[in-house]
Protein backbone atom coordinates (compact mmCIF):
# COMPACT_ATOMS: atom_id res chain seq x y z
CA MET A 1 -4.65 7.13 -25.03
CA LYS A 2 -3.86 7.67 -21.20
CA LYS A 3 -1.02 6.12 -19.34
CA CYS A 4 -1.22 3.69 -16.14
CA LYS A 5 -0.51 5.51 -12.59
CA SER A 6 2.89 3.51 -11.73
CA TRP A 7 0.85 1.26 -8.61
CA VAL A 8 -2.26 1.19 -7.25
CA ARG A 9 -3.99 -1.43 -5.39
CA LYS A 10 -8.04 -0.74 -4.94
CA LYS A 11 -10.51 -2.53 -2.83
CA VAL A 12 -13.98 -1.78 -4.14
CA PHE A 13 -17.66 -2.90 -2.50
CA TRP A 14 -20.51 -2.36 -4.73
CA GLU A 15 -24.66 -2.38 -3.75
CA ASN A 16 -26.63 -3.72 -6.16
CA MET A 17 -29.82 -1.58 -6.21
CA GLU A 18 -31.27 -3.59 -9.24
CA ALA A 19 -31.16 -6.91 -8.63
CA PHE A 20 -30.50 -7.62 -4.64
CA GLY A 21 -26.66 -8.36 -4.56
CA SER A 22 -23.04 -6.61 -4.11
CA GLU A 23 -19.73 -7.20 -4.94
CA TYR A 24 -16.53 -7.06 -4.26
CA LEU A 25 -13.74 -5.95 -6.72
CA TYR A 26 -10.12 -6.23 -6.25
CA LEU A 27 -8.06 -3.97 -8.87
CA GLU A 28 -4.33 -3.78 -9.01
CA TYR A 29 -2.14 -2.32 -11.93
CA ASN A 30 1.37 -1.20 -12.55
CA SER A 31 3.58 0.25 -15.35
CA ASN A 32 3.07 -3.05 -17.24
CA ASN A 33 -0.44 -4.10 -16.70
CA ILE A 34 -4.04 -4.07 -14.87
CA LEU A 35 -5.53 -7.12 -13.34
CA ALA A 36 -9.25 -6.81 -11.66
CA LYS A 37 -10.85 -9.67 -9.42
CA GLY A 38 -14.52 -9.55 -9.06
CA THR A 39 -16.85 -11.41 -6.79
CA VAL A 40 -21.00 -10.88 -7.76
CA LEU A 41 -23.49 -12.00 -5.44
CA PHE A 42 -26.79 -11.15 -6.06
CA THR A 43 -30.67 -12.70 -7.17
CA ASN A 44 -33.03 -12.06 -9.88
CA LYS A 45 -35.69 -13.48 -7.28
CA GLN A 46 -36.35 -17.00 -8.63
CA LYS A 47 -32.30 -17.79 -8.52
CA ALA A 48 -29.14 -16.66 -6.36
CA TYR A 49 -25.85 -16.61 -8.20
CA GLN A 50 -22.24 -16.69 -7.40
CA VAL A 51 -20.18 -14.93 -10.28
CA PHE A 52 -16.16 -14.55 -10.34
CA TYR A 53 -14.76 -12.66 -12.97
CA GLU A 54 -10.91 -11.76 -13.86
CA VAL A 55 -10.13 -9.14 -16.71
CA HIS A 56 -6.82 -8.63 -17.31
CA LEU A 57 -5.45 -5.44 -19.16
CA ASP A 58 -2.68 -4.10 -20.81
CA LYS A 59 -1.34 -0.65 -19.27
CA ALA A 60 -3.25 1.37 -21.99
CA TRP A 61 -6.58 -0.43 -20.62
CA ASN A 62 -7.06 -2.55 -23.51
CA THR A 63 -8.86 -5.65 -22.69
CA ARG A 64 -6.59 -8.56 -23.41
CA GLN A 65 -8.09 -11.55 -21.17
CA VAL A 66 -11.64 -11.95 -19.61
CA LYS A 67 -12.55 -15.13 -17.13
CA ILE A 68 -16.03 -15.51 -15.72
CA TYR A 69 -17.48 -17.96 -13.71
CA VAL A 70 -21.65 -18.66 -13.12
CA ASP A 71 -21.95 -20.67 -9.75
CA ASP A 72 -19.83 -23.79 -10.70
CA GLU A 73 -22.13 -24.63 -13.46
CA LYS A 74 -21.13 -22.01 -16.71
CA GLN A 75 -17.70 -20.14 -17.33
CA LYS A 76 -16.67 -18.52 -20.27
CA PHE A 77 -13.16 -17.22 -21.62
CA LEU A 78 -12.30 -14.90 -23.75
CA SER A 79 -8.70 -13.31 -25.17
CA SER A 80 -8.18 -10.42 -27.16
CA ASP A 81 -5.13 -9.07 -29.45
CA GLY A 82 -6.63 -5.43 -27.73
CA CYS A 83 -7.15 -4.37 -31.54
CA GLY A 84 -10.46 -5.72 -31.40
CA HIS A 85 -10.22 -9.08 -32.57
CA TRP A 86 -11.68 -11.75 -30.29
CA PHE A 87 -11.03 -15.47 -29.52
CA ILE A 88 -12.63 -18.62 -27.64
CA ASN A 89 -9.65 -21.30 -27.27
CA ASN A 90 -7.67 -19.59 -30.57
CA THR A 91 -10.59 -19.42 -32.52
CA HIS A 92 -11.48 -16.18 -33.99
CA ILE A 93 -14.92 -14.84 -33.54
CA LYS A 94 -15.94 -12.73 -36.30
CA GLU A 95 -19.06 -11.36 -34.72
CA LEU A 96 -17.34 -9.43 -31.74
CA ASP A 97 -14.65 -7.75 -34.36
CA GLY A 98 -14.17 -3.85 -33.68
CA ALA A 99 -14.82 -4.32 -29.46
CA ILE A 100 -12.01 -3.32 -27.55
CA ASP A 101 -13.89 -3.70 -24.11
CA VAL A 102 -16.15 -5.89 -22.41
CA ASP A 103 -19.03 -5.23 -20.48
CA ILE A 104 -19.87 -8.03 -18.00
CA ALA A 105 -23.60 -7.23 -17.44
CA ILE A 106 -23.19 -7.47 -13.46
CA THR A 107 -20.77 -5.45 -12.90
CA PRO A 108 -20.25 -1.13 -12.67
CA PHE A 109 -16.41 -2.17 -12.94
CA SER A 110 -17.28 -2.68 -17.29
CA ASN A 111 -17.97 1.33 -17.40
CA SER A 112 -14.09 2.12 -16.39
CA LEU A 113 -12.92 0.37 -19.02
CA PRO A 114 -13.28 2.60 -21.80
CA ILE A 115 -13.61 5.34 -19.52
CA ASN A 116 -9.84 4.60 -18.66
CA ARG A 117 -8.41 4.25 -22.25
CA PHE A 118 -8.75 7.80 -22.87
CA ASP A 119 -8.26 11.72 -21.64
CA TRP A 120 -11.51 13.69 -21.85
CA ILE A 121 -12.12 16.83 -22.94
CA LYS A 122 -15.46 18.63 -21.23
CA GLY A 123 -18.30 17.54 -23.50
CA GLU A 124 -16.38 14.91 -25.52
CA MET A 125 -18.54 11.99 -26.78
CA ARG A 126 -16.95 8.91 -27.89
CA LYS A 127 -18.29 5.78 -29.31
CA PHE A 128 -17.49 2.16 -28.34
CA ASN A 129 -17.93 -1.19 -29.74
CA MET A 130 -18.09 -3.66 -26.37
CA VAL A 131 -18.24 -7.12 -26.17
CA TYR A 132 -21.66 -7.79 -23.92
CA ILE A 133 -21.49 -10.47 -21.91
CA ASP A 134 -24.81 -11.31 -20.37
CA ILE A 135 -25.28 -12.77 -16.90
CA PRO A 136 -26.37 -15.77 -16.12
CA SER A 137 -26.59 -17.06 -19.99
CA LEU A 138 -22.82 -16.04 -20.85
CA GLU A 139 -24.52 -14.96 -24.69
CA LEU A 140 -21.82 -12.82 -26.00
CA LYS A 141 -23.15 -9.53 -28.39
CA ASN A 142 -21.06 -6.55 -29.98
CA LEU A 143 -23.31 -3.71 -28.67
CA VAL A 144 -22.23 -0.15 -29.25
CA GLN A 145 -22.57 1.87 -26.35
CA HIS A 146 -21.77 5.78 -26.12
CA TYR A 147 -19.57 7.84 -23.38
CA THR A 148 -20.30 11.61 -22.85
CA PHE A 149 -17.94 13.79 -20.15
CA LEU A 150 -20.09 15.94 -18.98
CA ASP A 151 -18.18 17.74 -16.25
CA VAL A 152 -16.28 17.76 -12.57
CA HIS A 153 -18.34 18.18 -9.86
CA ASN A 154 -16.87 17.87 -6.16
CA GLY A 155 -13.92 15.72 -7.07
CA TYR A 156 -15.95 13.48 -9.18
CA ARG A 157 -16.28 13.30 -13.05
CA LEU A 158 -19.77 12.76 -14.53
CA PHE A 159 -20.48 10.66 -17.80
CA LYS A 160 -23.79 10.45 -19.50
CA TYR A 161 -23.97 6.58 -20.44
CA GLU A 162 -25.88 5.42 -23.62
CA CYS A 163 -26.60 2.29 -24.95
CA LEU A 164 -29.74 1.37 -27.34
CA GLU A 165 -32.95 3.18 -25.29
CA TYR A 166 -31.06 3.55 -21.81
CA LYS A 167 -29.44 6.94 -20.38
CA THR A 168 -28.31 7.79 -17.62
CA THR A 169 -25.18 9.91 -15.58
CA ILE A 170 -22.47 8.13 -13.92
CA LYS A 171 -20.31 9.55 -11.42
CA VAL A 172 -16.30 7.83 -11.53
CA ASP A 173 -13.67 8.68 -9.18
CA GLN A 174 -10.18 9.84 -9.79
CA LEU A 175 -9.14 6.27 -10.66
CA GLY A 176 -12.17 5.79 -13.17
CA ILE A 177 -14.16 3.40 -10.68
CA VAL A 178 -17.84 4.13 -10.35
CA VAL A 179 -18.90 5.73 -7.33
CA GLU A 180 -22.80 5.82 -8.30
CA TYR A 181 -24.85 4.64 -11.06
CA PRO A 182 -28.22 6.10 -10.53
CA ASP A 183 -30.45 3.23 -9.06
CA VAL A 184 -27.97 0.25 -10.21
CA PHE A 185 -24.60 0.55 -8.08
CA ILE A 186 -23.55 2.34 -5.57
CA ARG A 187 -20.56 2.43 -3.94
CA HIS A 188 -19.33 2.23 -0.04
CA VAL A 189 -15.70 2.02 -0.19
């Protein structure tokens, strides 16, 4: 398992090219835990949305707690034991068993979670069960995703990402944060 850096604060800004919008992410991690706070603004051409999320991780990048707010109308709070068991209000959600990471539908930060939990070898493919969180409905699914470490190019790591019938190649920086997710997200800072 990959170890966390000693202390990092990072601010990131992505443009969402698929659904007109953008995201501001504040990421802070130290030797004990990692905190990600995101603010996403987007439209699906019928309605505009404002989404806030917090993801609390342990030092090994295991998701421990997720809080999501959609506008001021909906919210979802999840917690995990870090071993693949999920809870809402201390009630075990068996359908999510086996998932360590979350995939919040409207943020590329979700890709950083499985990528940063491991040291990767070129050509290595890993399968992950993810707690997929749909936005704006906040519906939950246990979804299988695959990541393959392809190469390093100009200091960026390239990963093949696969989920259901969808495939793409994402580019991440040295901290494992998405720089480019073709035709969906592009990072500006």
